[in-house]
Amino acid sequence: MIDIRNVSKWYGPFQVLTDCSATVKKGEVVVVCGPSGSGKSTLIKTVNALEPFQKGDIVVDGTSIADSKTNLPKLRSRVGMVFQHFELFPHLTVRENLTLAQVKVLARGKEEAQVRGLKMLDRVGLMAHKDKYPGQLSGGQQQRVAIARALSMDPIVMLFDEPTSALDPEMVGEVLDVMVKLAGEGMTMMCVTHEMGFARKVSHRIIFMDEGKIVEDCSRDDFFGRPEARVPRAKEFLSKILQH
């Protein structure tokens, strides 16, 4: 579903990604983790071309991002993205937030878009809040609306960029519960997160990054169950998180 091939990226003279290669199969849940500043969020944003890259290619469901003929807005409409800070429109109700992109990007009729949006809102357990504005919701509820909005676009894959890091600890669980459910339904997911409990429970594979490089790409069981076999930086990372 996602094939990342030798991707490198620079901000001016500073290289943020170096020869990153990885694949995500259909129905697979891949967690990207590592220390802050290791390039995790940048990598996931290159997958739907929110961040341009200078070298390599990324192929999503057979479509090359590096190909100048690729219709990037069309590709993005098929790749759901959930950000750290919700990115909901504050002046629109939840219902309107769920329907706008469907109408504008997918050219759905307003009624069809509403039906689809509310179905996804129900899926994340927030139907009772459909006529509220984002500011009337908790952070966890806003993030669940953001997930419902992404799902309303019928994505072939979902990308999550630290979806719980801006939330109060009490709200983290409700967002992770939705993600666990999605994974159980077979949604292809690539998720940047520090939630190692979630990674242990749901992921098929772990990608560990350090200083812009993918230094580990292995099964969940290998990553958590055989820390002694990991590269030193991953071993150090694991020793700090697993003791708590």
Protein backbone atom coordinates (compact mmCIF):
# COMPACT_ATOMS: atom_id res chain seq x y z
CA MET A 1 0.00 0.00 0.00
CA ILE A 2 2.89 2.37 0.85
CA ASP A 3 6.38 1.91 -0.56
CA ILE A 4 8.98 4.41 0.68
CA ARG A 5 12.11 4.16 -1.47
CA ASN A 6 15.39 5.79 -0.43
CA VAL A 7 13.75 9.07 0.54
CA SER A 8 16.00 11.96 1.55
CA LYS A 9 14.96 15.48 2.48
CA TRP A 10 16.81 18.68 3.31
CA TYR A 11 15.81 21.99 4.88
CA GLY A 12 18.46 24.14 3.24
CA PRO A 13 21.80 22.58 4.19
CA PHE A 14 20.27 20.50 7.02
CA GLN A 15 19.36 16.93 6.10
CA VAL A 16 16.25 15.78 7.99
CA LEU A 17 15.71 12.42 6.25
CA THR A 18 18.49 10.17 4.96
CA ASP A 19 17.82 7.25 2.58
CA CYS A 20 14.61 6.14 4.31
CA SER A 21 13.05 2.96 2.92
CA ALA A 22 10.04 1.05 4.27
CA THR A 23 6.86 -0.63 3.12
CA VAL A 24 3.38 -0.84 4.63
CA LYS A 25 1.19 -3.69 3.38
CA LYS A 26 -2.59 -3.52 3.02
CA GLY A 27 -4.22 -3.98 6.42
CA GLU A 28 -0.95 -3.52 8.28
CA VAL A 29 -0.49 -1.20 11.27
CA VAL A 30 3.02 0.27 11.41
CA VAL A 31 4.11 2.44 14.34
CA VAL A 32 6.92 4.94 13.79
CA CYS A 33 8.75 5.83 17.00
CA GLY A 34 12.04 7.26 18.20
CA PRO A 35 13.43 10.25 20.08
CA SER A 36 12.16 13.78 19.46
CA GLY A 37 13.68 15.39 16.39
CA SER A 38 14.45 12.05 14.71
CA GLY A 39 12.37 12.83 11.60
CA LYS A 40 9.24 10.78 12.41
CA SER A 41 6.65 13.49 11.67
CA THR A 42 8.54 14.64 8.59
CA LEU A 43 8.58 11.09 7.24
CA ILE A 44 4.85 10.57 7.69
CA LYS A 45 4.07 13.94 6.08
CA THR A 46 6.05 12.97 2.97
CA VAL A 47 3.70 10.00 2.47
CA ASN A 48 0.86 12.28 1.35
CA ALA A 49 3.16 14.99 -0.03
CA LEU A 50 2.51 17.52 2.74
CA GLU A 51 6.31 17.68 2.96
CA PRO A 52 8.22 17.64 -0.34
CA PHE A 53 11.36 15.50 -0.54
CA GLN A 54 14.38 15.94 -2.78
CA LYS A 55 15.50 12.37 -3.40
CA GLY A 56 13.86 8.95 -3.75
CA ASP A 57 10.19 8.13 -4.27
CA ILE A 58 7.08 7.12 -2.36
CA VAL A 59 4.46 4.98 -4.08
CA VAL A 60 0.98 4.90 -2.53
CA ASP A 61 -1.32 2.20 -3.92
CA GLY A 62 0.60 2.25 -7.22
CA THR A 63 0.78 6.06 -7.52
CA SER A 64 4.21 7.72 -7.43
CA ILE A 65 4.45 10.94 -5.41
CA ALA A 66 7.70 11.96 -7.13
CA ASP A 67 6.09 11.76 -10.59
CA SER A 68 5.34 15.31 -11.73
CA LYS A 69 2.21 14.03 -13.53
CA THR A 70 0.64 12.77 -10.29
CA ASN A 71 -2.44 14.65 -9.15
CA LEU A 72 -1.40 15.24 -5.53
CA PRO A 73 -4.74 16.68 -4.28
CA LYS A 74 -6.49 13.58 -5.64
CA LEU A 75 -3.96 11.31 -3.94
CA ARG A 76 -4.31 13.21 -0.65
CA SER A 77 -8.07 12.75 -0.79
CA ARG A 78 -7.47 8.98 -0.52
CA VAL A 79 -4.93 9.21 2.32
CA GLY A 80 -6.52 10.13 5.66
CA MET A 81 -4.37 12.32 7.89
CA VAL A 82 -4.90 13.02 11.58
CA PHE A 83 -2.70 15.74 13.08
CA GLN A 84 -1.50 16.53 16.56
CA HIS A 85 -3.71 19.61 16.90
CA PHE A 86 -7.04 18.44 15.39
CA GLU A 87 -7.12 21.17 12.67
CA LEU A 88 -10.93 21.47 12.79
CA PHE A 89 -12.61 24.64 11.49
CA PRO A 90 -13.67 26.49 14.69
CA HIS A 91 -16.49 28.45 12.99
CA LEU A 92 -18.18 25.30 11.62
CA THR A 93 -20.27 22.79 13.56
CA VAL A 94 -19.08 19.19 13.86
CA ARG A 95 -21.53 18.18 11.12
CA GLU A 96 -20.21 20.92 8.81
CA ASN A 97 -16.60 19.97 9.55
CA LEU A 98 -17.42 16.41 8.48
CA THR A 99 -19.11 17.33 5.21
CA LEU A 100 -17.05 20.23 3.81
CA ALA A 101 -14.13 18.27 2.33
CA GLN A 102 -16.43 15.59 0.94
CA VAL A 103 -18.38 18.23 -0.99
CA LYS A 104 -15.36 20.30 -2.09
CA VAL A 105 -12.86 17.51 -2.83
CA LEU A 106 -14.95 14.43 -3.65
CA ALA A 107 -17.80 16.44 -5.25
CA ARG A 108 -20.39 14.58 -3.17
CA GLY A 109 -23.86 16.00 -2.81
CA LYS A 110 -24.43 17.75 0.51
CA GLU A 111 -27.00 15.21 1.68
CA GLU A 112 -24.83 12.21 0.80
CA ALA A 113 -21.85 13.88 2.51
CA GLN A 114 -23.89 14.47 5.67
CA VAL A 115 -25.08 10.86 5.80
CA ARG A 116 -21.50 9.61 5.38
CA GLY A 117 -20.08 12.10 7.90
CA LEU A 118 -22.64 11.30 10.58
CA LYS A 119 -22.11 7.58 10.05
CA MET A 120 -18.41 8.08 10.80
CA LEU A 121 -19.25 10.35 13.75
CA ASP A 122 -21.37 7.54 15.15
CA ARG A 123 -18.45 5.18 14.59
CA VAL A 124 -16.28 7.27 16.93
CA GLY A 125 -19.13 7.53 19.46
CA LEU A 126 -19.96 11.24 19.16
CA MET A 127 -23.32 11.41 17.37
CA ALA A 128 -24.84 13.40 20.27
CA HIS A 129 -22.39 16.26 19.55
CA LYS A 130 -23.10 16.72 15.83
CA ASP A 131 -24.43 20.27 16.14
CA LYS A 132 -21.79 21.57 18.53
CA TYR A 133 -18.78 23.69 17.58
CA PRO A 134 -15.24 22.34 18.16
CA GLY A 135 -14.70 24.81 21.02
CA GLN A 136 -17.56 23.15 22.94
CA LEU A 137 -15.80 19.78 22.87
CA SER A 138 -12.91 18.38 24.90
CA GLY A 139 -9.57 17.79 23.20
CA GLY A 140 -10.20 14.06 23.03
CA GLN A 141 -13.59 14.61 21.43
CA GLN A 142 -12.13 17.04 18.90
CA GLN A 143 -9.50 14.49 17.92
CA ARG A 144 -12.18 11.82 17.49
CA VAL A 145 -14.10 14.23 15.22
CA ALA A 146 -10.87 14.73 13.24
CA ILE A 147 -10.60 10.94 12.82
CA ALA A 148 -14.27 10.77 11.73
CA ARG A 149 -13.61 13.55 9.21
CA ALA A 150 -10.67 11.64 7.73
CA LEU A 151 -12.74 8.44 7.56
CA SER A 152 -15.57 10.28 5.78
CA MET A 153 -13.29 10.60 2.76
CA ASP A 154 -13.13 6.78 2.34
CA PRO A 155 -9.34 6.63 2.69
CA ILE A 156 -7.31 3.63 1.57
CA VAL A 157 -4.80 4.35 4.33
CA MET A 158 -4.75 6.43 7.52
CA LEU A 159 -1.75 8.43 8.73
CA PHE A 160 -1.56 9.61 12.34
CA ASP A 161 1.00 12.21 13.40
CA GLU A 162 1.25 12.01 17.21
CA PRO A 163 -2.55 12.11 17.55
CA THR A 164 -2.54 12.02 21.36
CA SER A 165 0.45 14.20 22.28
CA ALA A 166 -1.60 17.40 22.65
CA LEU A 167 -4.21 15.75 24.87
CA ASP A 168 -4.65 15.61 28.63
CA PRO A 169 -3.71 12.13 29.91
CA GLU A 170 -7.35 11.33 30.71
CA MET A 171 -8.36 11.87 27.08
CA VAL A 172 -5.64 9.79 25.46
CA GLY A 173 -7.50 6.52 26.02
CA GLU A 174 -10.66 7.53 24.16
CA VAL A 175 -8.66 8.40 21.02
CA LEU A 176 -6.53 5.25 21.24
CA ASP A 177 -9.70 3.16 21.64
CA VAL A 178 -10.96 4.47 18.28
CA MET A 179 -7.58 3.70 16.67
CA VAL A 180 -7.54 0.18 18.15
CA LYS A 181 -11.01 -0.39 16.70
CA LEU A 182 -9.90 0.86 13.28
CA ALA A 183 -6.89 -1.45 13.34
CA GLY A 184 -9.16 -4.35 14.28
CA GLU A 185 -11.32 -3.59 11.23
CA GLY A 186 -8.28 -3.97 8.96
CA MET A 187 -7.54 -0.31 8.19
CA THR A 188 -4.02 0.22 6.83
CA MET A 189 -2.37 2.61 9.30
CA MET A 190 0.94 4.37 9.74
CA CYS A 191 1.18 6.06 13.11
CA VAL A 192 3.81 8.29 14.70
CA THR A 193 3.30 7.93 18.44
CA HIS A 194 4.97 7.82 21.84
CA GLU A 195 2.19 5.55 23.15
CA MET A 196 4.15 2.34 23.49
CA GLY A 197 1.23 0.49 25.08
CA PHE A 198 -0.76 1.13 21.90
CA ALA A 199 2.22 0.09 19.76
CA ARG A 200 2.51 -3.18 21.69
CA LYS A 201 -1.19 -3.91 21.47
CA VAL A 202 -2.02 -3.04 17.88
CA SER A 203 1.01 -2.69 15.61
CA HIS A 204 2.30 -5.37 13.29
CA ARG A 205 5.64 -3.64 12.81
CA ILE A 206 7.75 -0.96 14.46
CA ILE A 207 9.92 1.50 12.58
CA PHE A 208 12.45 3.17 14.88
CA MET A 209 14.09 6.39 13.69
CA ASP A 210 17.14 8.27 14.89
CA GLU A 211 18.73 11.40 13.38
CA GLY A 212 16.66 11.19 10.19
CA LYS A 213 17.40 7.53 9.49
CA ILE A 214 15.32 4.38 9.85
CA VAL A 215 17.59 2.30 12.07
CA GLU A 216 15.13 -0.49 12.96
CA ASP A 217 12.25 -1.97 10.98
CA CYS A 218 11.06 -5.16 12.62
CA SER A 219 8.04 -6.99 13.97
CA ARG A 220 6.42 -5.74 17.16
CA ASP A 221 7.38 -8.95 18.97
CA ASP A 222 11.03 -8.60 17.97
CA PHE A 223 11.14 -4.93 18.92
CA PHE A 224 9.68 -5.33 22.40
CA GLY A 225 10.55 -8.96 23.08
CA ARG A 226 14.18 -8.97 22.03
CA PRO A 227 15.59 -5.57 23.03
CA GLU A 228 19.10 -7.05 23.24
CA ALA A 229 19.03 -7.60 19.45
CA ARG A 230 18.25 -3.95 18.65
CA VAL A 231 20.74 -1.28 17.60
CA PRO A 232 22.26 0.61 20.58
CA ARG A 233 20.06 3.72 20.19
CA ALA A 234 16.87 1.64 20.09
CA LYS A 235 18.11 -0.44 23.03
CA GLU A 236 18.67 2.75 25.04
CA PHE A 237 15.19 4.06 24.05
CA LEU A 238 13.57 0.79 25.10
CA SER A 239 15.43 0.62 28.40
CA LYS A 240 14.03 4.05 29.31
CA ILE A 241 10.41 3.37 28.37
CA LEU A 242 10.09 -0.27 29.41
CA GLN A 243 11.23 0.21 32.99
CA HIS A 244 8.07 2.26 33.62
